[in-house]
Amino acid sequence: MEVTWIAILASLCMGIGAALVFVFAVKKNYFKDVEDAKYHVFWSDVEEMVDSTERRDPNEEVEDDEKSG
């Protein structure tokens, strides 16, 4: 029974801590433009894919080791 009360107390502390972090983030305006961060990540991934395909010559012969995986 003692372990149950410890678990309940720990979960309440974690919940209160998460709520305080959320309130702090809202007050500091961290959630102002979350879509902007998404597009930064998306376009950086697209740029990496384009850069990697531009480096490789499509007419270049692929060796047997690369074909097998």
C-alpha atoms as a PDB file:
ATOM      1  CA  MET A   1       0.000   0.000   0.000  1.00  0.00           C
ATOM      2  CA  GLU A   2       2.926   2.271   0.732  1.00  0.00           C
ATOM      3  CA  VAL A   3       4.297   1.894  -2.807  1.00  0.00           C
ATOM      4  CA  THR A   4       0.913   2.891  -4.235  1.00  0.00           C
ATOM      5  CA  TRP A   5       0.949   6.213  -2.365  1.00  0.00           C
ATOM      6  CA  ILE A   6       4.516   6.873  -3.510  1.00  0.00           C
ATOM      7  CA  ALA A   7       3.486   6.197  -7.119  1.00  0.00           C
ATOM      8  CA  ILE A   8       0.461   8.494  -6.807  1.00  0.00           C
ATOM      9  CA  LEU A   9       2.584  11.260  -5.281  1.00  0.00           C
ATOM     10  CA  ALA A  10       5.238  10.873  -7.985  1.00  0.00           C
ATOM     11  CA  SER A  11       2.653  11.020 -10.772  1.00  0.00           C
ATOM     12  CA  LEU A  12       1.068  14.132  -9.256  1.00  0.00           C
ATOM     13  CA  CYS A  13       4.471  15.810  -9.041  1.00  0.00           C
ATOM     14  CA  MET A  14       5.224  14.975 -12.679  1.00  0.00           C
ATOM     15  CA  GLY A  15       1.824  16.249 -13.780  1.00  0.00           C
ATOM     16  CA  ILE A  16       2.224  19.512 -11.904  1.00  0.00           C
ATOM     17  CA  GLY A  17       5.740  19.887 -13.293  1.00  0.00           C
ATOM     18  CA  ALA A  18       4.512  19.364 -16.856  1.00  0.00           C
ATOM     19  CA  ALA A  19       1.730  21.910 -16.330  1.00  0.00           C
ATOM     20  CA  LEU A  20       4.248  24.459 -15.013  1.00  0.00           C
ATOM     21  CA  VAL A  21       6.555  23.893 -17.994  1.00  0.00           C
ATOM     22  CA  PHE A  22       3.588  24.364 -20.328  1.00  0.00           C
ATOM     23  CA  VAL A  23       2.545  27.609 -18.628  1.00  0.00           C
ATOM     24  CA  PHE A  24       6.144  28.855 -18.764  1.00  0.00           C
ATOM     25  CA  ALA A  25       6.370  28.064 -22.503  1.00  0.00           C
ATOM     26  CA  VAL A  26       3.087  29.824 -23.224  1.00  0.00           C
ATOM     27  CA  LYS A  27       4.144  32.914 -21.264  1.00  0.00           C
ATOM     28  CA  LYS A  28       7.512  33.030 -23.096  1.00  0.00           C
ATOM     29  CA  ASN A  29       5.599  32.802 -26.408  1.00  0.00           C
ATOM     30  CA  TYR A  30       7.308  29.572 -27.523  1.00  0.00           C
ATOM     31  CA  PHE A  31       4.109  28.468 -29.298  1.00  0.00           C
ATOM     32  CA  LYS A  32       3.819  31.622 -31.420  1.00  0.00           C
ATOM     33  CA  ASP A  33       4.509  30.046 -34.812  1.00  0.00           C
ATOM     34  CA  VAL A  34       4.889  26.266 -34.633  1.00  0.00           C
ATOM     35  CA  GLU A  35       4.143  25.838 -38.349  1.00  0.00           C
ATOM     36  CA  ASP A  36       7.291  27.773 -39.227  1.00  0.00           C
ATOM     37  CA  ALA A  37       9.487  25.207 -37.447  1.00  0.00           C
ATOM     38  CA  LYS A  38       7.764  22.390 -39.338  1.00  0.00           C
ATOM     39  CA  TYR A  39       8.526  23.976 -42.692  1.00  0.00           C
ATOM     40  CA  HIS A  40      12.144  24.651 -41.738  1.00  0.00           C
ATOM     41  CA  VAL A  41      12.635  20.954 -41.003  1.00  0.00           C
ATOM     42  CA  PHE A  42      10.724  19.861 -44.121  1.00  0.00           C
ATOM     43  CA  TRP A  43      12.610  22.104 -46.552  1.00  0.00           C
ATOM     44  CA  SER A  44      16.015  21.268 -45.053  1.00  0.00           C
ATOM     45  CA  ASP A  45      15.265  17.567 -45.654  1.00  0.00           C
ATOM     46  CA  VAL A  46      14.242  18.281 -49.252  1.00  0.00           C
ATOM     47  CA  GLU A  47      17.426  20.303 -49.845  1.00  0.00           C
ATOM     48  CA  GLU A  48      19.566  17.414 -48.528  1.00  0.00           C
ATOM     49  CA  MET A  49      17.840  14.988 -50.914  1.00  0.00           C
ATOM     50  CA  VAL A  50      18.353  17.318 -53.875  1.00  0.00           C
ATOM     51  CA  ASP A  51      22.004  17.897 -52.973  1.00  0.00           C
ATOM     52  CA  SER A  52      22.702  14.168 -52.682  1.00  0.00           C
ATOM     53  CA  THR A  53      21.135  13.399 -56.080  1.00  0.00           C
ATOM     54  CA  GLU A  54      23.015  16.245 -57.769  1.00  0.00           C
ATOM     55  CA  ARG A  55      26.365  14.925 -56.542  1.00  0.00           C
ATOM     56  CA  ARG A  56      25.796  11.524 -58.097  1.00  0.00           C
ATOM     57  CA  ASP A  57      26.167  11.223 -61.865  1.00  0.00           C
ATOM     58  CA  PRO A  58      23.143   9.298 -63.219  1.00  0.00           C
ATOM     59  CA  ASN A  59      25.196   7.998 -66.158  1.00  0.00           C
ATOM     60  CA  GLU A  60      27.865   6.586 -63.862  1.00  0.00           C
ATOM     61  CA  GLU A  61      28.190   2.775 -63.774  1.00  0.00           C
ATOM     62  CA  VAL A  62      27.184   1.308 -60.405  1.00  0.00           C
ATOM     63  CA  GLU A  63      29.592  -1.323 -59.066  1.00  0.00           C
ATOM     64  CA  ASP A  64      28.387  -4.831 -58.152  1.00  0.00           C
ATOM     65  CA  ASP A  65      28.953  -4.218 -54.423  1.00  0.00           C
ATOM     66  CA  GLU A  66      26.557  -1.265 -54.438  1.00  0.00           C
ATOM     67  CA  LYS A  67      23.907  -3.200 -56.367  1.00  0.00           C
ATOM     68  CA  SER A  68      23.838  -6.086 -53.878  1.00  0.00           C
ATOM     69  CA  GLY A  69      23.052  -3.773 -50.988  1.00  0.00           C
END
